[in-house]
């Protein structure tokens, strides 16, 4: 078994988001297994296993990582963060258009450039106002 199936190949046996407690899905011999990561002791509580497994033991016993199981709240937080990154990217583009128009002067600030600025502004406003995912 290679360590590349773990989220960080340099830390086999550790989950995605090791700084948080949470439910994850592992597998052993291609059979899915629910596992709970406990950050305070850096260990796995694995369905069907007695006691806890250290990351090293989980890897050595043939467990492989499949995914994290996000709660609706965690998923909403991740999506909100992604939307905010989109907004920041669009704001950067709008600012670049504004800066270029100012450098060139009013000759280049044509309706086309103004329309592009407005379009980008409209996009980031729309993205920011999407709200929580349904």
Protein backbone atom coordinates (compact mmCIF):
# COMPACT_ATOMS: atom_id res chain seq x y z
CA UNK A 1 0.00 0.00 0.00
CA UNK A 2 1.37 3.37 -0.96
CA UNK A 3 0.70 6.49 1.11
CA UNK A 4 -0.58 8.45 -1.89
CA UNK A 5 -4.23 7.70 -1.18
CA UNK A 6 -4.11 9.83 2.00
CA UNK A 7 -4.90 13.56 1.64
CA UNK A 8 -1.30 14.49 2.43
CA UNK A 9 1.08 11.79 1.12
CA UNK A 10 3.75 13.12 3.48
CA UNK A 11 1.48 12.29 6.44
CA UNK A 12 -0.08 8.90 5.67
CA UNK A 13 -2.74 7.88 8.16
CA UNK A 14 -3.89 11.46 8.77
CA UNK A 15 -7.24 12.72 7.50
CA UNK A 16 -8.20 15.79 5.58
CA UNK A 17 -8.63 18.57 8.18
CA UNK A 18 -6.61 16.81 10.96
CA UNK A 19 -7.09 19.89 13.14
CA UNK A 20 -10.83 19.09 13.47
CA UNK A 21 -12.78 16.20 14.91
CA UNK A 22 -14.93 14.58 12.32
CA UNK A 23 -16.41 11.66 10.47
CA UNK A 24 -14.47 10.25 7.53
CA UNK A 25 -14.72 7.29 5.22
CA UNK A 26 -11.86 4.85 4.96
CA UNK A 27 -11.72 1.47 3.31
CA UNK A 28 -9.97 -1.78 4.02
CA UNK A 29 -9.72 -4.35 1.25
CA UNK A 30 -12.12 -2.17 -0.78
CA UNK A 31 -14.80 -2.37 1.95
CA UNK A 32 -15.98 1.11 3.07
CA UNK A 33 -15.61 1.85 6.77
CA UNK A 34 -16.83 4.79 8.84
CA UNK A 35 -14.13 6.29 11.04
CA UNK A 36 -14.13 9.18 13.48
CA UNK A 37 -10.97 11.28 13.77
CA UNK A 38 -10.25 12.65 17.25
CA UNK A 39 -7.93 15.63 17.04
CA UNK A 40 -7.14 15.79 20.77
CA UNK A 41 -5.50 12.34 20.71
CA UNK A 42 -4.67 12.20 16.98
CA UNK A 43 -6.32 8.83 16.59
CA UNK A 44 -9.04 7.05 14.69
CA UNK A 45 -12.11 5.44 16.17
CA UNK A 46 -12.93 2.94 13.44
CA UNK A 47 -16.18 1.02 13.10
CA UNK A 48 -15.60 -2.62 13.95
CA UNK A 49 -12.18 -2.05 15.53
CA UNK A 50 -11.44 -2.30 19.25
CA UNK A 51 -10.00 0.84 20.76
CA UNK A 52 -8.34 3.56 18.77
CA UNK A 53 -5.83 3.43 15.95
CA UNK A 54 -2.96 5.84 15.54
CA UNK A 55 -2.45 7.22 12.04
CA UNK A 56 0.54 4.93 11.59
CA UNK A 57 -1.42 1.84 12.67
CA UNK A 58 -4.35 2.73 10.43
CA UNK A 59 -1.99 2.96 7.47
CA UNK A 60 -0.06 -0.18 8.45
CA UNK A 61 -3.26 -2.20 8.90
CA UNK A 62 -4.24 -1.50 5.31
CA UNK A 63 -6.79 1.26 5.70
CA UNK A 64 -6.97 3.75 2.86
CA UNK A 65 -8.59 7.14 2.87
CA UNK A 66 -11.72 7.81 0.81
CA UNK A 67 -13.19 11.13 1.96
CA UNK A 68 -14.34 13.37 4.74
CA UNK A 69 -18.02 13.51 5.63
CA UNK A 70 -19.06 17.14 5.89
CA UNK A 71 -22.05 18.32 7.86
CA UNK A 72 -24.48 20.69 6.12
CA UNK A 73 -23.02 23.56 8.18
CA UNK A 74 -19.44 22.69 7.18
CA UNK A 75 -20.44 22.41 3.55
CA UNK A 76 -22.19 25.79 3.70
CA UNK A 77 -19.03 27.32 5.23
CA UNK A 78 -16.85 25.85 2.48
CA UNK A 79 -19.19 27.12 -0.23
CA UNK A 80 -19.35 30.58 1.35
CA UNK A 81 -15.56 30.68 1.38
CA UNK A 82 -15.44 29.67 -2.26
CA UNK A 83 -17.96 32.32 -3.23
CA UNK A 84 -15.91 34.94 -1.38
CA UNK A 85 -12.81 33.90 -3.33
CA UNK A 86 -14.80 34.32 -6.55
CA UNK A 87 -15.91 37.78 -5.48
CA UNK A 88 -12.34 38.81 -4.67
CA UNK A 89 -11.13 37.57 -8.06
CA UNK A 90 -13.84 39.51 -9.87
CA UNK A 91 -13.14 42.64 -7.82
CA UNK A 92 -9.47 42.37 -8.81
CA UNK A 93 -10.46 42.24 -12.48
CA UNK A 94 -12.75 45.25 -12.09
CA UNK A 95 -10.00 47.19 -10.31
CA UNK A 96 -7.56 46.36 -13.09
CA UNK A 97 -10.03 47.72 -15.67
CA UNK A 98 -10.47 50.89 -13.62
CA UNK A 99 -6.72 51.35 -13.20
CA UNK A 100 -6.07 50.86 -16.92
CA UNK A 101 -8.82 53.31 -17.84
CA UNK A 102 -7.37 55.94 -15.45
CA UNK A 103 -3.83 55.48 -16.80
CA UNK A 104 -4.93 55.94 -20.39
CA UNK A 105 -7.35 58.75 -19.59
CA UNK A 106 -10.82 59.41 -20.79
CA UNK A 107 -9.94 58.64 -24.40
CA UNK A 108 -9.84 54.91 -23.64
CA UNK A 109 -12.68 54.98 -21.13
CA UNK A 110 -15.13 54.13 -23.86
CA UNK A 111 -18.57 52.71 -23.39
CA UNK A 112 -17.06 49.30 -24.04
CA UNK A 113 -14.67 49.58 -21.09
CA UNK A 114 -17.39 51.05 -18.88
CA UNK A 115 -19.74 48.26 -19.83
CA UNK A 116 -17.07 45.69 -18.96
CA UNK A 117 -16.53 47.30 -15.57
CA UNK A 118 -20.26 47.31 -14.91
CA UNK A 119 -20.55 43.70 -16.05
CA UNK A 120 -17.80 42.57 -13.70
CA UNK A 121 -19.33 44.60 -10.87
CA UNK A 122 -22.70 43.03 -11.57
CA UNK A 123 -21.11 39.57 -11.49
CA UNK A 124 -19.49 39.97 -8.08
CA UNK A 125 -22.64 41.49 -6.62
CA UNK A 126 -24.64 38.55 -7.95
CA UNK A 127 -22.17 35.95 -6.62
CA UNK A 128 -22.04 37.59 -3.19
CA UNK A 129 -25.85 37.65 -2.97
CA UNK A 130 -26.32 33.97 -3.80
CA UNK A 131 -26.75 33.15 -0.11
CA UNK A 132 -26.59 29.65 1.31
CA UNK A 133 -26.72 26.73 -1.07
CA UNK A 134 -30.15 25.07 -1.19
